[in-house]
Amino acid sequence: MLHNARLAVIALIVLVISGCQSVAPLKTGSSVGQDAPVRYVKRAKDSSAETPVRSVLLKLELDKAETDLWQLTRDNMALPRATDNKTVAARIKWYAKHDRYLDKTIVRASDYYQYILREVLARGMPAELALLPVIESSYDPFVKSPARAAGLWQFIPSTGDHFGLKRNWWYDGRRDVLASTNAALTYLDYLHSYFDNDWLLALAAYNAGEGNVRRAIKKNRKLGKPTDFWSLDLPKETRAYVPKLLAISELFRNPEKYGLSLTPLADEARFAVVETGGQIDLARAAEFAGVDIEVIYKFNPGYSRWATDPEGPHRLLVPADKAGRFADQLAQIDDSERMSWARYEVKPGDTLGAIANRFNTSVASVKSTNKLKGSTIRIGQSLLIPAALVSASDYALSADQRTEQRLSRAAPKGKAKQIHKVAAGDSLWTLSRIHGTTPKQIARWNDMGVGETLRIGQQLVIYVDKQGTSSNIAANAYKVQAGDSLTQIAAAHSVSVSDLLEWNNLDINSTLRLGQEIVVSAVAESS
């Protein structure tokens, strides 16, 4: 690590030099604790400085280097305990029984927990909030829920937008460890103040939305009932959500009591923040840091493609013990060497979209690089295209490769895997009827939201029962032929037109398309 874990008096914090841009706070006054990740900035090539950073020594408490993060968490817990509550007690029992789930979650958390806990404590918040990603995402920043929530803190798109977490082809701020943590804690702080400093109500609102909690409080007040969390009529998921966090907190407070063993987690920065000054290929970043590309993605899950976002943020999280090497390597190259470039001559029939797709980049990036104001291109025109340094398969945790891994994943026991190519008229609803499952389950299998629009040609993985798979699907679905009408199809399959409308989410004026699959028999839904 960059500092010796045995130092008893001081710890080295490397701060960015003047002009380095950090993550913009979403709320005035929010602060980064003194144990924030080390930051580096790229120096100019002609700089005579011996190092790209300046350092400041900060005196810390005597036992800082020996602190166990789990003990630090226990020492700063402040949420009310509710071990006598039946729901909390049941969740404690479940987590204690499924200790392998906790083990895997803790392994994933180890790279992020020190940063998140220190951010929580710097804001004067209960330490239990650092455990909230256990509930939200199992500390997996790549998780996406059927409700379209993403990242450690599971922001849905609208809430992420509200808190400045930008999303585009290159980058999703909801998965960015720094940006999403800042947004989540800012939101929780706001909810805590809004609900009169009641953390349980704040947590309920984080899950259900402040409007739902506010209406539940108003309803109870009107009926003369208590307005604490336990007394409110809240959605089923929310009534389980808060007890889950209280249960997890209880296990971490007293693991021995529940037969668990927590390996000490040292209070040391796992990563450093390096300002890159512009877009950089993640393969090149891995080369400079001397690590596998997977490590770069693990610390930078916000980047969805093979490079950072050309519009920023222009920073990377790098393993703390590799940051100095990375900064030095970055300082030795010209800005143009951060990326690989290809020259392409426009051919008849080309469009910017087709060219961008061919080189696995975005239209906006092609336009920006070539200073194009519109989308018009000329045959014979030469375009400079940002291109990946290595093959697509080497970017193991990019969005495209995560999709490939999902499609190649083995089917669960007793199930057969089918890869469905989306055609015109398809929806999760119609596909679920054909395959005897639910839209939510298909969304979960494909790491997408139930409400997401399907793209023609998109590949979806669907798991069906092995026994009778082909015959069941064939019996449930009919492919529209030339001249077909709903009346004719209904008569041919001895069902009513109203049944077809209901099963296929159609209305009486819907136009049938040649080749469209129509559900022609009732399908028992499974979860």
Protein backbone atom coordinates (compact mmCIF):
# COMPACT_ATOMS: atom_id res chain seq x y z
CA MET A 1 0.00 0.00 0.00
CA LEU A 2 1.05 3.65 -0.35
CA HIS A 3 1.45 4.00 3.39
CA ASN A 4 2.78 1.55 5.93
CA ALA A 5 -0.04 -0.09 7.86
CA ARG A 6 2.21 -0.12 10.92
CA LEU A 7 2.74 3.61 11.15
CA ALA A 8 1.32 4.62 14.50
CA VAL A 9 1.45 8.40 14.40
CA ILE A 10 0.90 9.60 10.85
CA ALA A 11 -0.61 8.51 7.56
CA LEU A 12 0.30 9.89 4.19
CA ILE A 13 -2.51 11.56 2.27
CA VAL A 14 -1.50 12.69 -1.20
CA LEU A 15 -3.56 15.68 -2.28
CA VAL A 16 -4.14 17.01 -5.74
CA ILE A 17 -2.21 20.09 -6.82
CA SER A 18 -3.97 23.34 -7.62
CA GLY A 19 -6.23 23.05 -10.64
CA CYS A 20 -7.17 19.39 -10.18
CA GLN A 21 -10.90 18.87 -10.48
CA SER A 22 -12.58 16.56 -7.99
CA VAL A 23 -16.08 15.12 -7.93
CA ALA A 24 -18.48 18.04 -7.64
CA PRO A 25 -20.49 17.86 -4.43
CA LEU A 26 -24.24 17.75 -4.90
CA LYS A 27 -24.84 19.69 -1.74
CA THR A 28 -22.96 22.71 -0.44
CA GLY A 29 -21.10 21.82 2.69
CA SER A 30 -20.75 18.10 2.07
CA SER A 31 -17.20 17.12 2.82
CA VAL A 32 -14.73 14.38 2.10
CA GLY A 33 -13.19 12.92 5.22
CA GLN A 34 -9.48 13.09 5.90
CA ASP A 35 -9.21 9.45 4.88
CA ALA A 36 -10.52 10.14 1.40
CA PRO A 37 -8.81 8.22 -1.41
CA VAL A 38 -5.42 9.45 -2.52
CA ARG A 39 -5.62 11.79 -5.53
CA TYR A 40 -3.09 12.27 -8.32
CA VAL A 41 -3.00 14.74 -11.18
CA LYS A 42 -1.16 14.37 -14.49
CA ARG A 43 1.76 16.78 -14.74
CA ALA A 44 2.88 18.58 -17.86
CA LYS A 45 5.54 16.72 -19.85
CA ASP A 46 8.06 19.55 -19.47
CA SER A 47 7.65 19.73 -15.71
CA SER A 48 10.89 19.45 -13.78
CA ALA A 49 9.15 18.15 -10.69
CA GLU A 50 10.39 14.80 -9.44
CA THR A 51 6.88 13.60 -8.66
CA PRO A 52 3.45 14.40 -10.15
CA VAL A 53 2.02 15.13 -6.72
CA ARG A 54 2.67 17.10 -3.61
CA SER A 55 2.07 15.45 -0.27
CA VAL A 56 0.73 16.65 3.03
CA LEU A 57 1.25 14.72 6.25
CA LEU A 58 -1.79 14.62 8.47
CA LYS A 59 -1.56 13.56 12.10
CA LEU A 60 -4.17 10.94 12.91
CA GLU A 61 -5.18 9.16 16.08
CA LEU A 62 -2.45 6.87 17.42
CA ASP A 63 -4.14 3.61 16.47
CA LYS A 64 -5.38 4.70 13.02
CA ALA A 65 -3.26 2.19 11.10
CA GLU A 66 -4.54 -0.68 13.23
CA THR A 67 -8.26 0.12 12.92
CA ASP A 68 -10.57 -2.68 11.79
CA LEU A 69 -13.38 -1.26 9.65
CA TRP A 70 -15.93 -3.61 11.20
CA GLN A 71 -15.02 -2.37 14.66
CA LEU A 72 -15.11 1.21 13.41
CA THR A 73 -18.60 0.47 12.11
CA ARG A 74 -19.72 -0.93 15.47
CA ASP A 75 -18.30 2.05 17.33
CA ASN A 76 -20.37 4.46 15.24
CA MET A 77 -23.70 2.66 14.96
CA ALA A 78 -26.62 4.91 15.83
CA LEU A 79 -29.82 3.43 14.39
CA PRO A 80 -32.42 2.15 16.86
CA ARG A 81 -32.15 -1.56 17.55
CA ALA A 82 -35.25 -3.71 17.08
CA THR A 83 -34.19 -7.29 17.76
CA ASP A 84 -37.54 -7.98 19.44
CA ASN A 85 -39.41 -7.12 16.26
CA LYS A 86 -40.59 -10.30 14.53
CA THR A 87 -39.61 -9.16 11.04
CA VAL A 88 -36.13 -8.09 12.15
CA ALA A 89 -35.65 -11.33 14.09
CA ALA A 90 -36.70 -13.37 11.05
CA ARG A 91 -34.24 -11.51 8.82
CA ILE A 92 -31.42 -12.01 11.34
CA LYS A 93 -32.15 -15.73 11.31
CA TRP A 94 -32.19 -15.80 7.50
CA TYR A 95 -28.88 -13.96 7.09
CA ALA A 96 -27.21 -16.07 9.78
CA LYS A 97 -28.36 -19.22 7.99
CA HIS A 98 -27.19 -17.96 4.59
CA ASP A 99 -23.69 -17.01 5.67
CA ARG A 100 -22.27 -17.87 2.24
CA TYR A 101 -24.30 -14.99 0.79
CA LEU A 102 -22.78 -12.65 3.37
CA ASP A 103 -19.29 -14.01 2.69
CA LYS A 104 -19.58 -13.26 -1.03
CA THR A 105 -21.04 -9.83 -0.32
CA ILE A 106 -18.21 -8.95 2.07
CA VAL A 107 -15.61 -9.95 -0.53
CA ARG A 108 -17.23 -7.59 -3.05
CA ALA A 109 -17.56 -4.85 -0.43
CA SER A 110 -13.90 -4.97 0.57
CA ASP A 111 -12.82 -2.72 -2.31
CA TYR A 112 -15.38 0.00 -1.60
CA TYR A 113 -16.29 -0.22 2.08
CA GLN A 114 -13.45 1.88 3.49
CA TYR A 115 -14.29 4.79 1.21
CA ILE A 116 -18.03 4.57 1.82
CA LEU A 117 -17.76 4.19 5.61
CA ARG A 118 -15.38 7.15 5.84
CA GLU A 119 -17.77 9.25 3.73
CA VAL A 120 -20.68 8.27 5.99
CA LEU A 121 -18.75 9.16 9.14
CA ALA A 122 -17.45 12.43 7.65
CA ARG A 123 -21.07 13.53 7.28
CA GLY A 124 -21.93 12.57 10.85
CA MET A 125 -24.28 9.82 9.74
CA PRO A 126 -24.92 6.44 11.42
CA ALA A 127 -22.31 3.89 10.37
CA GLU A 128 -25.09 1.44 9.48
CA LEU A 129 -25.66 3.42 6.28
CA ALA A 130 -22.38 2.02 4.93
CA LEU A 131 -24.12 -1.38 5.09
CA LEU A 132 -27.07 -0.20 3.00
CA PRO A 133 -25.48 -1.40 -0.29
CA VAL A 134 -25.58 -4.91 1.20
CA ILE A 135 -29.37 -4.62 1.01
CA GLU A 136 -29.53 -2.63 -2.20
CA SER A 137 -27.06 -4.44 -4.44
CA SER A 138 -25.14 -7.03 -2.42
CA TYR A 139 -22.28 -4.56 -2.95
CA ASP A 140 -22.21 -5.40 -6.66
CA PRO A 141 -21.94 -2.16 -8.69
CA PHE A 142 -22.92 -3.93 -11.91
CA VAL A 143 -26.34 -5.06 -10.63
CA LYS A 144 -29.41 -3.73 -12.44
CA SER A 145 -32.88 -4.42 -11.08
CA PRO A 146 -36.11 -5.07 -13.02
CA ALA A 147 -37.14 -1.58 -11.84
CA ARG A 148 -34.13 -0.21 -13.82
CA ALA A 149 -32.19 0.68 -10.67
CA ALA A 150 -28.41 0.42 -11.04
CA GLY A 151 -25.20 0.55 -9.05
CA LEU A 152 -24.21 0.02 -5.42
CA TRP A 153 -26.97 2.38 -4.26
CA GLN A 154 -29.56 1.27 -6.85
CA PHE A 155 -30.63 4.62 -8.26
CA ILE A 156 -33.48 4.53 -10.76
CA PRO A 157 -32.90 6.77 -13.81
CA SER A 158 -35.16 9.64 -12.69
CA THR A 159 -33.66 9.90 -9.19
CA GLY A 160 -30.16 9.59 -10.63
CA ASP A 161 -30.92 12.42 -13.04
CA HIS A 162 -32.21 14.56 -10.17
CA PHE A 163 -28.94 14.12 -8.31
CA GLY A 164 -26.74 14.83 -11.31
CA LEU A 165 -25.73 11.25 -12.14
CA LYS A 166 -25.35 11.50 -15.90
CA ARG A 167 -25.98 8.59 -18.23
CA ASN A 168 -24.91 8.10 -21.82
CA TRP A 169 -23.49 5.45 -24.15
CA TRP A 170 -20.07 5.63 -22.48
CA TYR A 171 -20.87 6.15 -18.82
CA ASP A 172 -23.51 5.63 -16.14
CA GLY A 173 -22.95 7.74 -13.03
CA ARG A 174 -25.28 5.49 -11.04
CA ARG A 175 -22.54 2.85 -11.14
CA ASP A 176 -19.72 5.32 -10.41
CA VAL A 177 -18.51 4.57 -6.87
CA LEU A 178 -17.65 8.18 -6.00
CA ALA A 179 -20.53 9.96 -7.73
CA SER A 180 -23.25 7.53 -6.63
CA THR A 181 -22.05 7.47 -3.01
CA ASN A 182 -22.06 11.25 -2.90
CA ALA A 183 -25.56 11.32 -4.39
CA ALA A 184 -26.91 8.59 -2.09
CA LEU A 185 -25.61 10.18 1.10
CA THR A 186 -26.83 13.60 0.00
CA TYR A 187 -30.27 12.14 -0.66
CA LEU A 188 -30.35 10.29 2.68
CA ASP A 189 -29.24 13.44 4.49
CA TYR A 190 -32.07 15.37 2.84
CA LEU A 191 -34.63 12.69 3.73
CA HIS A 192 -33.39 12.62 7.33
CA SER A 193 -33.98 16.35 7.65
CA TYR A 194 -37.31 16.19 5.81
CA PHE A 195 -38.70 13.52 8.14
CA ASP A 196 -37.75 15.36 11.35
CA ASN A 197 -34.43 13.55 11.87
CA ASP A 198 -36.03 10.09 11.88
CA TRP A 199 -33.58 7.71 10.19
CA LEU A 200 -36.06 4.85 9.83
CA LEU A 201 -38.48 7.10 7.95
CA ALA A 202 -35.60 8.42 5.84
CA LEU A 203 -34.62 4.86 4.91
CA ALA A 204 -38.22 3.98 4.12
CA ALA A 205 -38.42 7.01 1.84
CA TYR A 206 -35.15 6.06 0.14
CA ASN A 207 -36.83 2.79 -0.83
CA ALA A 208 -40.45 3.81 -1.43
CA GLY A 209 -40.11 7.49 -2.29
CA GLU A 210 -40.77 10.39 0.03
CA GLY A 211 -44.28 10.84 -1.39
CA ASN A 212 -45.42 7.38 -0.29
CA VAL A 213 -44.04 7.87 3.22
CA ARG A 214 -45.50 11.37 3.47
CA ARG A 215 -48.96 10.10 2.47
CA ALA A 216 -48.75 7.23 4.98
CA ILE A 217 -47.89 9.70 7.75
CA LYS A 218 -50.74 12.00 6.73
CA LYS A 219 -53.17 9.06 6.76
CA ASN A 220 -52.14 7.98 10.27
CA ARG A 221 -52.34 11.52 11.61
CA LYS A 222 -55.86 11.83 10.27
CA LEU A 223 -56.79 8.58 12.05
CA GLY A 224 -55.05 9.60 15.26
CA LYS A 225 -52.48 6.82 14.93
CA PRO A 226 -48.71 6.94 15.62
CA THR A 227 -46.52 8.05 12.71
CA ASP A 228 -43.34 6.09 13.43
CA PHE A 229 -42.06 3.66 10.79
CA TRP A 230 -43.52 0.57 12.46
CA SER A 231 -47.02 2.07 12.55
CA LEU A 232 -47.26 3.20 8.93
CA ASP A 233 -49.09 1.45 6.11
CA LEU A 234 -46.22 1.21 3.64
CA PRO A 235 -45.59 -0.98 0.58
CA LYS A 236 -44.69 -4.59 1.39
CA GLU A 237 -41.17 -4.20 0.00
CA THR A 238 -40.52 -1.16 2.21
CA ARG A 239 -41.88 -2.88 5.32
CA ALA A 240 -39.21 -5.54 4.71
CA TYR A 241 -36.47 -3.13 3.56
CA VAL A 242 -35.80 -1.29 6.82
CA PRO A 243 -35.84 -4.50 8.92
CA LYS A 244 -33.27 -5.98 6.52
CA LEU A 245 -30.83 -3.18 7.29
CA LEU A 246 -31.49 -3.43 11.02
CA ALA A 247 -30.92 -7.19 10.84
CA ILE A 248 -27.66 -6.87 8.90
CA SER A 249 -26.50 -4.21 11.34
CA GLU A 250 -27.22 -6.50 14.27
CA LEU A 251 -25.17 -9.30 12.70
CA PHE A 252 -22.20 -6.97 12.19
CA ARG A 253 -22.62 -5.58 15.70
CA ASN A 254 -22.37 -9.00 17.33
CA PRO A 255 -21.31 -11.64 14.77
CA GLU A 256 -20.19 -14.21 17.34
CA LYS A 257 -23.67 -14.30 18.85
CA TYR A 258 -25.03 -15.49 15.52
CA GLY A 259 -22.23 -17.91 14.69
CA LEU A 260 -20.54 -15.65 12.15
CA SER A 261 -16.86 -14.83 11.78
CA LEU A 262 -15.85 -11.52 10.20
CA THR A 263 -12.30 -11.32 8.93
CA PRO A 264 -10.84 -7.95 10.02
CA LEU A 265 -10.87 -5.35 7.25
CA ALA A 266 -8.02 -2.84 7.57
CA ASP A 267 -8.83 0.87 7.47
CA GLU A 268 -6.67 1.52 4.42
CA ALA A 269 -7.54 3.22 1.14
CA ARG A 270 -8.11 0.57 -1.53
CA PHE A 271 -7.87 2.98 -4.44
CA ALA A 272 -6.47 6.32 -5.51
CA VAL A 273 -8.18 8.82 -7.80
CA VAL A 274 -6.09 9.74 -10.84
CA GLU A 275 -6.98 12.69 -13.05
CA THR A 276 -6.46 11.58 -16.66
CA GLY A 277 -6.96 14.92 -18.39
CA GLY A 278 -9.10 13.37 -21.13
CA GLN A 279 -10.52 10.16 -22.56
CA ILE A 280 -8.35 7.07 -22.15
CA ASP A 281 -8.67 3.49 -23.38
CA LEU A 282 -9.19 1.23 -20.36
CA ALA A 283 -6.77 -1.33 -21.82
CA ARG A 284 -4.09 1.36 -21.90
CA ALA A 285 -5.00 2.37 -18.34
CA ALA A 286 -4.58 -1.24 -17.23
CA GLU A 287 -1.22 -1.40 -19.01
CA PHE A 288 -0.01 1.78 -17.27
CA ALA A 289 -1.16 0.54 -13.85
CA GLY A 290 0.22 -2.96 -14.38
CA VAL A 291 -3.11 -4.67 -13.65
CA ASP A 292 -5.71 -6.68 -15.56
CA ILE A 293 -8.49 -4.77 -17.32
CA GLU A 294 -10.99 -6.41 -14.95
CA VAL A 295 -9.37 -4.54 -12.06
CA ILE A 296 -9.87 -1.20 -13.81
CA TYR A 297 -13.53 -2.02 -14.43
CA LYS A 298 -13.98 -3.19 -10.83
CA PHE A 299 -12.91 0.18 -9.47
CA ASN A 300 -14.56 2.11 -12.33
CA PRO A 301 -17.89 0.34 -12.96
CA GLY A 302 -19.40 3.59 -14.22
CA TYR A 303 -17.62 3.19 -17.55
CA SER A 304 -19.77 1.06 -19.84
CA ARG A 305 -17.47 0.69 -22.84
CA TRP A 306 -13.80 0.25 -23.71
CA ALA A 307 -12.76 3.78 -22.77
CA THR A 308 -13.73 6.56 -20.40
CA ASP A 309 -16.37 9.08 -21.45
CA PRO A 310 -14.88 11.66 -23.86
CA GLU A 311 -16.92 14.33 -22.07
CA GLY A 312 -15.72 13.29 -18.62
CA PRO A 313 -15.40 12.59 -15.80
CA HIS A 314 -11.69 12.55 -16.66
CA ARG A 315 -10.54 10.43 -13.75
CA LEU A 316 -9.88 6.81 -12.92
CA LEU A 317 -9.84 4.90 -9.66
CA VAL A 318 -6.65 2.82 -9.55
CA PRO A 319 -5.46 0.36 -6.87
CA ALA A 320 -3.71 2.53 -4.29
CA ASP A 321 -0.38 0.73 -4.63
CA LYS A 322 -0.42 1.19 -8.43
CA ALA A 323 -1.40 4.85 -8.59
CA GLY A 324 2.13 6.26 -8.56
CA ARG A 325 3.17 4.03 -11.45
CA PHE A 326 0.01 4.94 -13.37
CA ALA A 327 0.54 8.69 -12.91
CA ASP A 328 4.18 8.45 -13.98
CA GLN A 329 3.32 6.43 -17.10
CA LEU A 330 0.52 8.84 -18.01
CA ALA A 331 2.86 11.82 -17.65
CA GLN A 332 5.27 10.41 -20.25
CA ILE A 333 2.86 10.27 -23.20
CA ASP A 334 1.21 12.79 -25.49
CA ASP A 335 -2.52 13.28 -25.02
CA SER A 336 -3.19 11.59 -28.37
CA GLU A 337 -1.55 8.38 -27.12
CA ARG A 338 -4.23 7.75 -24.49
CA MET A 339 -6.37 6.32 -27.29
CA SER A 340 -5.96 4.31 -30.48
CA TRP A 341 -7.23 5.91 -33.70
CA ALA A 342 -8.35 4.64 -37.09
CA ARG A 343 -8.75 6.47 -40.40
CA TYR A 344 -11.93 5.59 -42.28
CA GLU A 345 -13.00 6.66 -45.76
CA VAL A 346 -16.75 7.09 -46.14
CA LYS A 347 -18.29 4.65 -48.64
CA PRO A 348 -21.65 4.67 -50.46
CA GLY A 349 -24.49 3.86 -48.06
CA ASP A 350 -22.52 4.75 -44.94
CA THR A 351 -24.15 6.61 -42.07
CA LEU A 352 -22.56 7.96 -38.92
CA GLY A 353 -24.54 5.41 -36.92
CA ALA A 354 -23.29 2.48 -39.00
CA ILE A 355 -19.69 3.72 -38.84
CA ALA A 356 -19.87 4.25 -35.07
CA ASN A 357 -21.35 0.77 -34.62
CA ARG A 358 -18.57 -0.77 -36.72
CA PHE A 359 -15.89 0.74 -34.49
CA ASN A 360 -17.85 0.23 -31.24
CA THR A 361 -18.01 3.92 -30.48
CA SER A 362 -20.74 6.56 -30.32
CA VAL A 363 -22.05 8.90 -33.00
CA ALA A 364 -21.41 11.83 -30.66
CA SER A 365 -17.77 10.81 -30.30
CA VAL A 366 -17.28 10.54 -34.09
CA LYS A 367 -18.92 13.93 -34.60
CA SER A 368 -16.88 15.56 -31.84
CA THR A 369 -13.55 14.11 -33.02
CA ASN A 370 -14.16 15.25 -36.59
CA LYS A 371 -15.81 18.56 -35.67
CA LEU A 372 -19.01 17.65 -37.52
CA LYS A 373 -21.94 19.97 -36.80
CA GLY A 374 -24.57 17.73 -38.38
CA SER A 375 -24.99 14.12 -39.47
CA THR A 376 -24.22 14.64 -43.16
CA ILE A 377 -21.11 12.88 -44.48
CA ARG A 378 -19.73 12.66 -48.02
CA ILE A 379 -18.52 9.66 -50.00
CA GLY A 380 -14.73 9.70 -49.88
CA GLN A 381 -14.62 11.86 -46.75
CA SER A 382 -11.88 10.81 -44.32
CA LEU A 383 -12.94 10.40 -40.70
CA LEU A 384 -10.75 9.92 -37.64
CA ILE A 385 -12.39 7.29 -35.43
CA PRO A 386 -11.53 6.44 -31.81
CA ALA A 387 -10.95 2.68 -31.80
CA ALA A 388 -10.39 0.11 -29.08
CA LEU A 389 -6.76 -0.84 -28.46
CA VAL A 390 -7.47 -4.58 -28.10
CA SER A 391 -10.26 -6.96 -29.11
CA ALA A 392 -13.74 -6.46 -27.69
CA SER A 393 -13.57 -9.70 -25.68
CA ASP A 394 -10.61 -8.36 -23.69
CA TYR A 395 -12.81 -5.65 -22.14
CA ALA A 396 -14.32 -8.29 -19.89
CA LEU A 397 -16.70 -6.10 -17.88
CA SER A 398 -17.86 -3.69 -20.57
CA ALA A 399 -21.61 -3.59 -21.20
CA ASP A 400 -21.21 -5.64 -24.40
CA GLN A 401 -19.12 -8.33 -22.72
CA ARG A 402 -21.47 -8.55 -19.74
CA THR A 403 -24.23 -9.24 -22.26
CA GLU A 404 -22.12 -11.94 -23.93
CA GLN A 405 -21.44 -13.55 -20.55
CA ARG A 406 -25.13 -13.50 -19.74
CA LEU A 407 -26.03 -15.16 -23.04
CA SER A 408 -23.40 -17.86 -22.53
CA ARG A 409 -24.34 -18.58 -18.91
CA ALA A 410 -25.44 -22.15 -18.21
CA ALA A 411 -29.12 -22.75 -17.56
CA PRO A 412 -30.28 -23.49 -14.00
CA LYS A 413 -30.96 -27.11 -13.11
CA GLY A 414 -34.12 -28.40 -14.76
CA LYS A 415 -34.24 -25.48 -17.19
CA ALA A 416 -33.33 -25.10 -20.85
CA LYS A 417 -31.84 -21.88 -22.19
CA GLN A 418 -33.31 -20.19 -25.23
CA ILE A 419 -31.83 -17.16 -26.98
CA HIS A 420 -34.62 -15.06 -28.44
CA LYS A 421 -33.88 -12.44 -31.10
CA VAL A 422 -36.30 -9.56 -30.69
CA ALA A 423 -38.62 -9.02 -33.65
CA ALA A 424 -41.11 -6.28 -34.44
CA GLY A 425 -44.06 -6.43 -32.04
CA ASP A 426 -42.19 -8.27 -29.30
CA SER A 427 -42.49 -7.13 -25.70
CA LEU A 428 -41.50 -8.67 -22.39
CA TRP A 429 -45.19 -9.22 -21.76
CA THR A 430 -45.84 -11.23 -24.95
CA LEU A 431 -42.59 -13.18 -24.58
CA SER A 432 -43.47 -14.07 -21.01
CA ARG A 433 -46.86 -15.42 -22.13
CA ILE A 434 -45.28 -17.53 -24.85
CA HIS A 435 -42.60 -18.99 -22.57
CA GLY A 436 -44.70 -19.43 -19.43
CA THR A 437 -42.92 -16.95 -17.21
CA THR A 438 -43.26 -13.29 -16.18
CA PRO A 439 -41.95 -10.00 -17.62
CA LYS A 440 -40.12 -9.38 -14.35
CA GLN A 441 -38.32 -12.72 -14.56
CA ILE A 442 -37.19 -12.14 -18.15
CA ALA A 443 -35.99 -8.67 -17.14
CA ARG A 444 -34.03 -10.17 -14.23
CA TRP A 445 -32.42 -12.80 -16.48
CA ASN A 446 -31.27 -10.05 -18.83
CA ASP A 447 -30.24 -7.39 -16.29
CA MET A 448 -32.77 -4.92 -17.63
CA GLY A 449 -35.78 -2.99 -16.43
CA VAL A 450 -39.33 -4.24 -16.99
CA GLY A 451 -40.17 -0.93 -18.68
CA GLU A 452 -37.17 -0.84 -21.02
CA THR A 453 -37.89 -0.68 -24.75
CA LEU A 454 -36.75 -3.74 -26.68
CA ARG A 455 -34.63 -3.20 -29.80
CA ILE A 456 -35.25 -5.22 -32.95
CA GLY A 457 -32.39 -7.72 -33.20
CA GLN A 458 -31.63 -7.56 -29.47
CA GLN A 459 -30.83 -10.96 -27.98
CA LEU A 460 -32.60 -12.08 -24.81
CA VAL A 461 -31.91 -15.16 -22.74
CA ILE A 462 -35.01 -17.01 -21.54
CA TYR A 463 -35.01 -20.10 -19.31
CA VAL A 464 -37.86 -22.57 -19.71
CA ASP A 465 -38.71 -25.93 -18.21
CA LYS A 466 -36.75 -28.71 -19.93
CA GLN A 467 -39.64 -31.13 -20.11
CA GLY A 468 -41.81 -30.42 -23.11
CA THR A 469 -40.03 -27.15 -23.87
CA SER A 470 -40.42 -27.12 -27.66
CA SER A 471 -43.94 -28.50 -27.75
CA ASN A 472 -45.15 -26.14 -25.03
CA ILE A 473 -43.81 -23.07 -26.82
CA ALA A 474 -45.14 -24.26 -30.17
CA ALA A 475 -48.57 -24.86 -28.66
CA ASN A 476 -48.67 -21.45 -26.99
CA ALA A 477 -47.58 -19.38 -29.99
CA TYR A 478 -48.76 -18.91 -33.56
CA LYS A 479 -46.78 -17.10 -36.26
CA VAL A 480 -48.94 -14.73 -38.32
CA GLN A 481 -49.31 -15.68 -42.00
CA ALA A 482 -50.34 -13.56 -44.99
CA GLY A 483 -54.07 -12.78 -44.88
CA ASP A 484 -54.53 -13.68 -41.21
CA SER A 485 -56.90 -11.75 -38.96
CA LEU A 486 -57.60 -12.00 -35.24
CA THR A 487 -60.99 -13.54 -36.01
CA GLN A 488 -59.46 -16.26 -38.19
CA ILE A 489 -56.69 -17.03 -35.69
CA ALA A 490 -59.19 -17.21 -32.81
CA ALA A 491 -61.45 -19.58 -34.75
CA ALA A 492 -58.54 -21.81 -35.77
CA HIS A 493 -57.45 -22.24 -32.15
CA SER A 494 -60.93 -22.44 -30.57
CA VAL A 495 -60.49 -19.31 -28.49
CA SER A 496 -62.21 -15.94 -28.52
CA VAL A 497 -60.91 -12.72 -30.04
CA SER A 498 -61.11 -11.14 -26.57
CA ASP A 499 -58.79 -13.89 -25.28
CA LEU A 500 -56.25 -13.08 -27.99
CA LEU A 501 -56.47 -9.38 -27.17
CA GLU A 502 -55.89 -10.06 -23.46
CA TRP A 503 -53.09 -12.61 -23.89
CA ASN A 504 -51.20 -10.44 -26.38
CA ASN A 505 -51.80 -7.02 -24.86
CA LEU A 506 -53.52 -5.89 -28.07
CA ASP A 507 -56.58 -3.79 -28.82
CA ILE A 508 -59.22 -4.44 -31.46
CA ASN A 509 -57.58 -1.99 -33.87
CA SER A 510 -54.10 -3.51 -33.63
CA THR A 511 -52.48 -4.37 -36.97
CA LEU A 512 -51.01 -7.85 -37.32
CA ARG A 513 -47.57 -8.13 -38.94
CA LEU A 514 -46.35 -11.00 -41.07
CA GLY A 515 -44.27 -13.34 -38.87
CA GLN A 516 -45.53 -11.84 -35.61
CA GLU A 517 -45.87 -14.41 -32.81
CA ILE A 518 -49.31 -14.48 -31.22
CA VAL A 519 -50.09 -16.26 -27.95
CA VAL A 520 -53.02 -18.59 -28.67
CA SER A 521 -53.50 -20.40 -25.36
CA ALA A 522 -53.54 -19.47 -21.71
CA VAL A 523 -50.17 -19.85 -20.00
CA ALA A 524 -49.78 -20.37 -16.28
CA GLU A 525 -47.31 -17.74 -15.08
CA SER A 526 -44.36 -18.81 -12.98
CA SER A 527 -42.00 -16.81 -10.83
